């Protein structure tokens, strides 16, 4: 497995959020973490990428134990993150946001470069000289994804990548994620659009109160209406 998370427990101070959560991602596989707000999906991501030190459990990436390691080291190993809320640098231009993240530490056969990201998101090419604060929400999301790709990740984690976007932009983002999957890039996707997630991901993990209560394929996800009504309906 590319990523193995076993028995993960995490807390913010005295408030425990994760209770023995386990997931895994194979090379080139796309999985989803789905569930209602506040159930521990983003905390899981933070624990994986080094933004939150787990209380217990293990995280292994390419066979190496990484739980508790700093985020910058994990980025060098090939973990890429598109965080919730985008978090681009508003005072930098589009070009600067992309170039500052550029790295190809694993000598990829077809690395992500500025030119390749612009070809992937042509709108960014039209806005290279604009500051991050001058972009629309959709353009900021494209930039956040492009910035993560510039690190040439082995595993890309996207936390609510379509949240708050217009329908036409959401459709574009899903199309682009499908194109990334076709390149063999492994991904973890968190999103509320269950139909879109089912169309993209290979396996799904339902998070409820810090635990995995259901896992299955896309066909099983869409067929299990009782589970979706119980754990995913708003």
Protein backbone atom coordinates (compact mmCIF):
# COMPACT_ATOMS: atom_id res chain seq x y z
CA UNK A 1 0.00 0.00 0.00
CA UNK A 2 1.11 3.54 -0.71
CA UNK A 3 -0.49 4.92 2.47
CA UNK A 4 -1.49 2.91 5.53
CA UNK A 5 -3.25 4.56 8.46
CA UNK A 6 -3.90 2.25 11.38
CA UNK A 7 -5.67 2.92 14.68
CA UNK A 8 -5.35 6.69 14.42
CA UNK A 9 -6.39 8.70 17.47
CA UNK A 10 -6.16 12.50 17.52
CA UNK A 11 -7.35 15.34 19.70
CA UNK A 12 -7.37 19.10 20.08
CA UNK A 13 -6.40 19.58 23.68
CA UNK A 14 -8.78 17.56 25.82
CA UNK A 15 -11.26 17.11 22.98
CA UNK A 16 -10.65 13.82 21.18
CA UNK A 17 -11.79 13.72 17.55
CA UNK A 18 -10.43 10.47 16.07
CA UNK A 19 -10.94 7.09 17.74
CA UNK A 20 -8.87 4.33 16.14
CA UNK A 21 -9.47 5.33 12.52
CA UNK A 22 -7.90 3.18 9.78
CA UNK A 23 -7.72 3.77 6.01
CA UNK A 24 -5.36 2.84 3.18
CA UNK A 25 -4.57 3.98 -0.35
CA UNK A 26 -2.91 1.89 -3.02
CA UNK A 27 -0.54 3.21 -5.67
CA UNK A 28 -2.57 5.02 -8.33
CA UNK A 29 -5.79 4.57 -6.35
CA UNK A 30 -8.36 7.24 -5.54
CA UNK A 31 -10.29 6.97 -2.28
CA UNK A 32 -12.80 9.27 -0.64
CA UNK A 33 -13.42 10.28 2.95
CA UNK A 34 -17.08 11.20 3.25
CA UNK A 35 -19.40 12.08 6.09
CA UNK A 36 -21.19 14.96 7.71
CA UNK A 37 -19.38 18.08 8.91
CA UNK A 38 -17.46 17.75 12.16
CA UNK A 39 -16.98 13.99 11.98
CA UNK A 40 -13.17 14.02 11.70
CA UNK A 41 -12.36 14.07 7.98
CA UNK A 42 -10.17 17.19 8.05
CA UNK A 43 -8.58 16.06 11.32
CA UNK A 44 -7.63 12.82 9.58
CA UNK A 45 -5.95 14.82 6.82
CA UNK A 46 -4.11 17.03 9.32
CA UNK A 47 -2.86 13.94 11.14
CA UNK A 48 -1.60 12.39 7.91
CA UNK A 49 0.23 15.47 6.59
CA UNK A 50 1.91 16.47 9.86
CA UNK A 51 -0.28 19.40 10.86
CA UNK A 52 -1.52 17.54 13.97
CA UNK A 53 0.45 15.00 15.98
CA UNK A 54 -1.63 11.85 16.60
CA UNK A 55 -2.20 10.61 20.14
CA UNK A 56 -2.00 6.99 18.99
CA UNK A 57 -1.85 4.86 15.88
CA UNK A 58 0.51 4.73 12.91
CA UNK A 59 0.78 6.35 9.50
CA UNK A 60 3.03 4.73 6.90
CA UNK A 61 3.85 6.18 3.51
CA UNK A 62 5.70 3.99 1.01
CA UNK A 63 6.44 1.67 3.89
CA UNK A 64 8.04 4.35 6.09
CA UNK A 65 6.42 5.40 9.33
CA UNK A 66 5.65 9.12 9.14
CA UNK A 67 3.22 9.93 11.97
CA UNK A 68 4.47 12.91 13.95
CA UNK A 69 6.87 14.01 11.20
CA UNK A 70 6.85 17.71 10.17
CA UNK A 71 4.79 18.74 7.15
CA UNK A 72 7.74 20.00 5.13
CA UNK A 73 9.45 16.62 5.31
CA UNK A 74 6.29 14.82 4.21
CA UNK A 75 5.92 17.20 1.27
CA UNK A 76 9.44 16.27 0.19
CA UNK A 77 8.45 12.60 0.37
CA UNK A 78 5.58 13.15 -2.06
CA UNK A 79 2.51 14.09 0.00
CA UNK A 80 0.63 16.96 -1.64
CA UNK A 81 -2.25 18.86 -0.02
CA UNK A 82 -4.99 21.09 -1.42
CA UNK A 83 -6.31 22.43 1.89
CA UNK A 84 -9.84 23.41 2.74
CA UNK A 85 -10.24 27.12 2.09
CA UNK A 86 -7.51 27.10 -0.63
CA UNK A 87 -4.98 29.14 1.42
CA UNK A 88 -3.15 30.61 -1.52
CA UNK A 89 -0.83 33.56 -0.89
CA UNK A 90 -2.97 36.65 -1.66
CA UNK A 91 -0.01 39.01 -1.88
CA UNK A 92 1.80 36.86 -4.49
CA UNK A 93 0.98 36.65 -8.18
CA UNK A 94 -0.35 33.48 -9.76
CA UNK A 95 3.11 32.83 -11.22
CA UNK A 96 4.77 33.35 -7.83
CA UNK A 97 2.28 31.07 -6.06
CA UNK A 98 3.11 28.31 -8.52
CA UNK A 99 6.87 28.77 -8.83
CA UNK A 100 7.46 28.96 -5.08
CA UNK A 101 6.13 25.40 -4.74
CA UNK A 102 8.11 23.92 -7.64
CA UNK A 103 10.01 20.72 -6.84
CA UNK A 104 10.75 17.46 -8.65
CA UNK A 105 12.65 15.48 -6.05
CA UNK A 106 11.73 12.09 -7.52
CA UNK A 107 12.79 12.92 -11.10
CA UNK A 108 9.36 12.19 -12.60
CA UNK A 109 9.19 11.11 -16.23
CA UNK A 110 6.72 13.91 -17.00
CA UNK A 111 7.07 16.38 -14.13
CA UNK A 112 4.61 19.12 -13.31
CA UNK A 113 6.10 22.41 -14.42
CA UNK A 114 4.69 25.90 -14.74
CA UNK A 115 3.98 25.25 -18.40
CA UNK A 116 2.23 21.96 -17.70
CA UNK A 117 0.04 23.46 -14.97
CA UNK A 118 -0.96 26.32 -17.29
CA UNK A 119 -1.86 23.80 -19.99
CA UNK A 120 -3.90 21.89 -17.39
CA UNK A 121 -5.65 25.07 -16.17
CA UNK A 122 -5.51 27.54 -19.09
CA UNK A 123 -7.30 30.20 -17.05
CA UNK A 124 -4.25 30.46 -14.80
CA UNK A 125 -2.15 31.26 -17.83
CA UNK A 126 -4.36 34.26 -18.49
CA UNK A 127 -3.92 35.45 -14.89
CA UNK A 128 -0.20 34.87 -14.28
CA UNK A 129 0.47 38.49 -13.33
CA UNK A 130 -2.57 38.87 -11.11
CA UNK A 131 -2.34 38.70 -7.33
CA UNK A 132 -4.01 35.88 -5.51
CA UNK A 133 -6.49 38.33 -3.98
CA UNK A 134 -7.61 39.36 -7.48
CA UNK A 135 -8.81 35.88 -8.47
CA UNK A 136 -12.33 34.50 -8.36
CA UNK A 137 -13.07 31.59 -6.04
CA UNK A 138 -12.82 29.13 -8.91
CA UNK A 139 -9.50 30.58 -10.07
CA UNK A 140 -8.16 30.40 -6.52
CA UNK A 141 -9.12 26.72 -6.37
CA UNK A 142 -7.37 26.04 -9.68
CA UNK A 143 -4.32 27.80 -8.26
CA UNK A 144 -4.43 25.77 -5.05
CA UNK A 145 -4.53 22.53 -7.07
CA UNK A 146 -1.84 23.77 -9.44
CA UNK A 147 0.41 24.76 -6.54
CA UNK A 148 0.09 21.26 -5.05
CA UNK A 149 0.85 19.68 -8.42
CA UNK A 150 4.02 21.79 -8.72
CA UNK A 151 5.43 19.76 -5.81
CA UNK A 152 5.07 16.65 -8.02
CA UNK A 153 3.24 14.60 -5.38
CA UNK A 154 2.87 10.84 -5.29
CA UNK A 155 -0.33 11.20 -3.24
CA UNK A 156 -2.58 14.26 -3.57
CA UNK A 157 -5.07 15.04 -0.80
CA UNK A 158 -7.95 17.39 -1.63
CA UNK A 159 -10.05 18.71 1.25
CA UNK A 160 -13.37 20.11 -0.05
CA UNK A 161 -11.95 21.15 -3.43
CA UNK A 162 -15.35 22.12 -4.87
CA UNK A 163 -16.89 23.76 -1.80
CA UNK A 164 -18.59 27.09 -2.50
CA UNK A 165 -17.91 27.05 -6.25
CA UNK A 166 -20.37 27.72 -9.05
CA UNK A 167 -21.75 24.56 -10.73
CA UNK A 168 -19.81 25.11 -13.95
CA UNK A 169 -16.55 25.43 -12.01
CA UNK A 170 -17.33 22.38 -9.90
CA UNK A 171 -17.84 20.39 -13.09
CA UNK A 172 -14.50 21.65 -14.41
CA UNK A 173 -12.70 20.66 -11.20
CA UNK A 174 -14.19 17.14 -11.28
CA UNK A 175 -13.15 16.79 -14.94
CA UNK A 176 -9.62 17.84 -14.07
CA UNK A 177 -9.46 15.42 -11.13
CA UNK A 178 -10.52 12.61 -13.46
CA UNK A 179 -7.67 13.62 -15.76
CA UNK A 180 -5.25 13.45 -12.83
CA UNK A 181 -6.52 9.98 -11.97
CA UNK A 182 -5.87 8.91 -15.55
CA UNK A 183 -2.18 9.84 -15.10
CA UNK A 184 -1.93 7.33 -12.24
CA UNK A 185 -1.80 9.89 -9.43
CA UNK A 186 -3.13 8.52 -6.15
CA UNK A 187 -5.62 10.79 -4.37
CA UNK A 188 -7.67 11.18 -1.22
CA UNK A 189 -10.78 13.25 -1.91
CA UNK A 190 -13.07 14.84 0.68
CA UNK A 191 -16.27 16.28 -0.75
CA UNK A 192 -20.01 16.48 -0.11
CA UNK A 193 -21.04 15.71 -3.71
CA UNK A 194 -21.57 11.98 -3.32
CA UNK A 195 -22.46 11.31 -6.95
CA UNK A 196 -19.35 13.11 -8.20
CA UNK A 197 -17.19 11.36 -5.61
CA UNK A 198 -18.65 7.99 -6.60
CA UNK A 199 -17.82 8.67 -10.25
CA UNK A 200 -14.20 9.49 -9.42
CA UNK A 201 -13.04 7.34 -6.51
CA UNK A 202 -12.35 3.60 -6.42
CA UNK A 203 -13.20 3.08 -2.74
CA UNK A 204 -14.99 5.10 -0.10
CA UNK A 205 -14.66 5.46 3.66
CA UNK A 206 -17.55 6.90 5.66
CA UNK A 207 -16.36 8.81 8.73
CA UNK A 208 -18.75 9.10 11.68
CA UNK A 209 -17.63 10.57 15.01
CA UNK A 210 -13.98 9.88 14.36
CA UNK A 211 -14.35 6.29 13.21
CA UNK A 212 -14.76 4.48 9.88
CA UNK A 213 -18.25 2.98 9.98
CA UNK A 214 -18.55 1.87 6.35
CA UNK A 215 -16.27 1.20 3.43
CA UNK A 216 -16.97 -0.05 -0.08
CA UNK A 217 -16.84 0.48 -3.82
CA UNK A 218 -18.71 3.15 -5.77
CA UNK A 219 -21.37 0.64 -6.79
CA UNK A 220 -21.87 -0.37 -3.18
CA UNK A 221 -21.99 3.26 -2.08
CA UNK A 222 -24.74 4.21 -4.49
CA UNK A 223 -26.69 1.01 -3.83
CA UNK A 224 -26.70 1.38 -0.04
CA UNK A 225 -29.44 3.97 0.32
CA UNK A 226 -30.02 3.16 3.99
CA UNK A 227 -26.39 3.87 4.86
CA UNK A 228 -26.39 7.13 2.90
CA UNK A 229 -29.59 8.27 4.62
CA UNK A 230 -28.11 7.42 8.01
CA UNK A 231 -24.61 8.87 7.69
CA UNK A 232 -24.50 11.22 4.70
CA UNK A 233 -27.89 12.95 4.42
CA UNK A 234 -27.93 16.55 5.61
